[in-house]
Amino acid sequence: MKLIIAIVQDKDSNRLSSQFIEANVRATKLSTTGGFLRSGNTTFMIGIDEDRVDEVLAMIKSTSHARDQFMTPPVNLDVTMDGASAYPVEVQVGGATVFVLPIEQFHQF
């Protein structure tokens, strides 16, 4: 038995959740925030048999896409402002961060 913790961008979470339902993969969905952009993410916690881990990882990989996005860097009041800091910069967001952990026990009541 394995625990998969997958952190994906909110834009990809509904599609991934639908894929889990179609494949009969039970997942707990948590709303999370974090990362460089402090943007909305979704964290899925999945208890799954070891022989289905690759199947779940393939679903996550096919659904969670990296994309480019413009953001305005935060203003740091401790540093002298120069003209370049106020302009939006392009950064890559999305994709997925996935952890696969061994499980000693798994219970559903």
C-alpha atoms as a PDB file:
ATOM      1  CA  MET A   1       0.000   0.000   0.000  1.00  0.00           C
ATOM      2  CA  LYS A   2       1.228   3.501  -0.877  1.00  0.00           C
ATOM      3  CA  LEU A   3       0.184   7.049  -0.075  1.00  0.00           C
ATOM      4  CA  ILE A   4       0.399   9.440  -3.008  1.00  0.00           C
ATOM      5  CA  ILE A   5       0.366  13.143  -2.190  1.00  0.00           C
ATOM      6  CA  ALA A   6      -0.056  15.176  -5.377  1.00  0.00           C
ATOM      7  CA  ILE A   7      -0.023  18.972  -5.420  1.00  0.00           C
ATOM      8  CA  VAL A   8      -1.481  20.407  -8.641  1.00  0.00           C
ATOM      9  CA  GLN A   9      -2.594  23.833  -9.796  1.00  0.00           C
ATOM     10  CA  ASP A  10      -6.294  24.599  -9.271  1.00  0.00           C
ATOM     11  CA  LYS A  11      -6.801  24.900 -13.033  1.00  0.00           C
ATOM     12  CA  ASP A  12      -5.982  21.187 -13.423  1.00  0.00           C
ATOM     13  CA  SER A  13      -7.718  19.809 -10.339  1.00  0.00           C
ATOM     14  CA  ASN A  14     -11.253  19.278 -11.670  1.00  0.00           C
ATOM     15  CA  ARG A  15     -10.048  17.351 -14.699  1.00  0.00           C
ATOM     16  CA  LEU A  16      -7.794  15.200 -12.536  1.00  0.00           C
ATOM     17  CA  SER A  17     -10.575  14.581 -10.027  1.00  0.00           C
ATOM     18  CA  SER A  18     -12.827  13.392 -12.872  1.00  0.00           C
ATOM     19  CA  GLN A  19     -10.133  11.001 -14.079  1.00  0.00           C
ATOM     20  CA  PHE A  20      -9.795   9.572 -10.583  1.00  0.00           C
ATOM     21  CA  ILE A  21     -13.559   8.976 -10.412  1.00  0.00           C
ATOM     22  CA  GLU A  22     -13.594   7.243 -13.812  1.00  0.00           C
ATOM     23  CA  ALA A  23     -10.706   4.977 -12.773  1.00  0.00           C
ATOM     24  CA  ASN A  24     -12.247   4.234  -9.350  1.00  0.00           C
ATOM     25  CA  VAL A  25      -9.361   5.897  -7.509  1.00  0.00           C
ATOM     26  CA  ARG A  26     -10.448   7.291  -4.155  1.00  0.00           C
ATOM     27  CA  ALA A  27      -8.791  10.589  -3.344  1.00  0.00           C
ATOM     28  CA  THR A  28      -9.131  13.192  -0.634  1.00  0.00           C
ATOM     29  CA  LYS A  29      -9.014  16.683  -2.133  1.00  0.00           C
ATOM     30  CA  LEU A  30      -7.628  19.567  -0.072  1.00  0.00           C
ATOM     31  CA  SER A  31      -7.512  23.223  -1.030  1.00  0.00           C
ATOM     32  CA  THR A  32      -3.974  24.537  -0.462  1.00  0.00           C
ATOM     33  CA  THR A  33      -1.995  27.687  -1.143  1.00  0.00           C
ATOM     34  CA  GLY A  34       1.692  28.134  -1.553  1.00  0.00           C
ATOM     35  CA  GLY A  35       4.649  28.347  -3.824  1.00  0.00           C
ATOM     36  CA  PHE A  36       6.404  31.303  -5.329  1.00  0.00           C
ATOM     37  CA  LEU A  37       3.190  32.968  -6.535  1.00  0.00           C
ATOM     38  CA  ARG A  38       1.144  32.149  -3.435  1.00  0.00           C
ATOM     39  CA  SER A  39      -1.434  30.820  -5.863  1.00  0.00           C
ATOM     40  CA  GLY A  40      -4.231  28.346  -5.297  1.00  0.00           C
ATOM     41  CA  ASN A  41      -3.346  24.684  -5.462  1.00  0.00           C
ATOM     42  CA  THR A  42      -5.144  21.446  -4.816  1.00  0.00           C
ATOM     43  CA  THR A  43      -3.535  18.634  -2.866  1.00  0.00           C
ATOM     44  CA  PHE A  44      -4.790  15.107  -3.454  1.00  0.00           C
ATOM     45  CA  MET A  45      -4.127  12.392  -0.870  1.00  0.00           C
ATOM     46  CA  ILE A  46      -4.561   8.913  -2.343  1.00  0.00           C
ATOM     47  CA  GLY A  47      -4.227   5.564  -0.602  1.00  0.00           C
ATOM     48  CA  ILE A  48      -3.615   3.031  -3.376  1.00  0.00           C
ATOM     49  CA  ASP A  49      -2.345  -0.510  -3.888  1.00  0.00           C
ATOM     50  CA  GLU A  50       1.267  -0.611  -4.987  1.00  0.00           C
ATOM     51  CA  ASP A  51       0.400  -2.168  -8.360  1.00  0.00           C
ATOM     52  CA  ARG A  52      -1.743   0.887  -9.303  1.00  0.00           C
ATOM     53  CA  VAL A  53       0.822   3.590  -8.434  1.00  0.00           C
ATOM     54  CA  ASP A  54       2.105   3.895 -12.022  1.00  0.00           C
ATOM     55  CA  GLU A  55      -1.481   4.211 -13.305  1.00  0.00           C
ATOM     56  CA  VAL A  56      -2.199   7.085 -10.906  1.00  0.00           C
ATOM     57  CA  LEU A  57       1.109   8.800 -11.698  1.00  0.00           C
ATOM     58  CA  ALA A  58       0.286   8.607 -15.424  1.00  0.00           C
ATOM     59  CA  MET A  59      -3.085  10.287 -14.793  1.00  0.00           C
ATOM     60  CA  ILE A  60      -1.428  13.070 -12.820  1.00  0.00           C
ATOM     61  CA  LYS A  61       1.248  13.578 -15.461  1.00  0.00           C
ATOM     62  CA  SER A  62      -1.227  13.706 -18.354  1.00  0.00           C
ATOM     63  CA  THR A  63      -3.530  16.170 -16.585  1.00  0.00           C
ATOM     64  CA  SER A  64      -1.177  18.569 -14.816  1.00  0.00           C
ATOM     65  CA  HIS A  65       0.418  20.888 -17.356  1.00  0.00           C
ATOM     66  CA  ALA A  66       3.077  23.513 -16.842  1.00  0.00           C
ATOM     67  CA  ARG A  67       2.181  26.877 -18.346  1.00  0.00           C
ATOM     68  CA  ASP A  68       3.667  30.357 -18.545  1.00  0.00           C
ATOM     69  CA  GLN A  69       2.032  33.167 -16.603  1.00  0.00           C
ATOM     70  CA  PHE A  70       2.826  36.818 -16.051  1.00  0.00           C
ATOM     71  CA  MET A  71       3.112  38.104 -12.498  1.00  0.00           C
ATOM     72  CA  THR A  72       4.184  41.357 -10.887  1.00  0.00           C
ATOM     73  CA  PRO A  73       6.979  40.798  -8.374  1.00  0.00           C
ATOM     74  CA  PRO A  74       6.144  41.838  -4.814  1.00  0.00           C
ATOM     75  CA  VAL A  75       7.457  45.232  -3.746  1.00  0.00           C
ATOM     76  CA  ASN A  76      10.180  45.101  -1.121  1.00  0.00           C
ATOM     77  CA  LEU A  77      10.115  48.335   0.847  1.00  0.00           C
ATOM     78  CA  ASP A  78      13.594  47.732   2.285  1.00  0.00           C
ATOM     79  CA  VAL A  79      15.244  48.001  -1.129  1.00  0.00           C
ATOM     80  CA  THR A  80      15.573  51.117  -3.257  1.00  0.00           C
ATOM     81  CA  MET A  81      12.945  51.014  -5.996  1.00  0.00           C
ATOM     82  CA  ASP A  82      14.262  50.826  -9.503  1.00  0.00           C
ATOM     83  CA  GLY A  83      12.030  51.063 -12.574  1.00  0.00           C
ATOM     84  CA  ALA A  84      12.401  47.361 -13.479  1.00  0.00           C
ATOM     85  CA  SER A  85      10.760  45.984 -10.342  1.00  0.00           C
ATOM     86  CA  ALA A  86       7.269  47.236 -11.241  1.00  0.00           C
ATOM     87  CA  TYR A  87       7.020  45.356 -14.542  1.00  0.00           C
ATOM     88  CA  PRO A  88       5.368  41.945 -14.839  1.00  0.00           C
ATOM     89  CA  VAL A  89       7.693  39.003 -15.466  1.00  0.00           C
ATOM     90  CA  GLU A  90       6.887  35.692 -17.110  1.00  0.00           C
ATOM     91  CA  VAL A  91       7.201  32.610 -14.887  1.00  0.00           C
ATOM     92  CA  GLN A  92       6.384  28.961 -15.378  1.00  0.00           C
ATOM     93  CA  VAL A  93       3.578  27.601 -13.168  1.00  0.00           C
ATOM     94  CA  GLY A  94       1.605  24.407 -12.988  1.00  0.00           C
ATOM     95  CA  GLY A  95       2.718  20.863 -13.378  1.00  0.00           C
ATOM     96  CA  ALA A  96       2.577  18.661 -10.325  1.00  0.00           C
ATOM     97  CA  THR A  97       4.639  17.886  -7.258  1.00  0.00           C
ATOM     98  CA  VAL A  98       4.102  14.278  -6.201  1.00  0.00           C
ATOM     99  CA  PHE A  99       5.253  12.302  -3.170  1.00  0.00           C
ATOM    100  CA  VAL A 100       4.869   8.510  -2.959  1.00  0.00           C
ATOM    101  CA  LEU A 101       5.179   7.133   0.567  1.00  0.00           C
ATOM    102  CA  PRO A 102       4.950   3.620   2.021  1.00  0.00           C
ATOM    103  CA  ILE A 103       1.933   2.900   4.241  1.00  0.00           C
ATOM    104  CA  GLU A 104       2.088   0.553   7.213  1.00  0.00           C
ATOM    105  CA  GLN A 105      -1.663   0.379   7.722  1.00  0.00           C
ATOM    106  CA  PHE A 106      -4.727   1.570   5.831  1.00  0.00           C
ATOM    107  CA  HIS A 107      -8.245   1.521   7.283  1.00  0.00           C
ATOM    108  CA  GLN A 108     -11.597   2.691   5.978  1.00  0.00           C
ATOM    109  CA  PHE A 109     -14.416   2.776   8.485  1.00  0.00           C
END
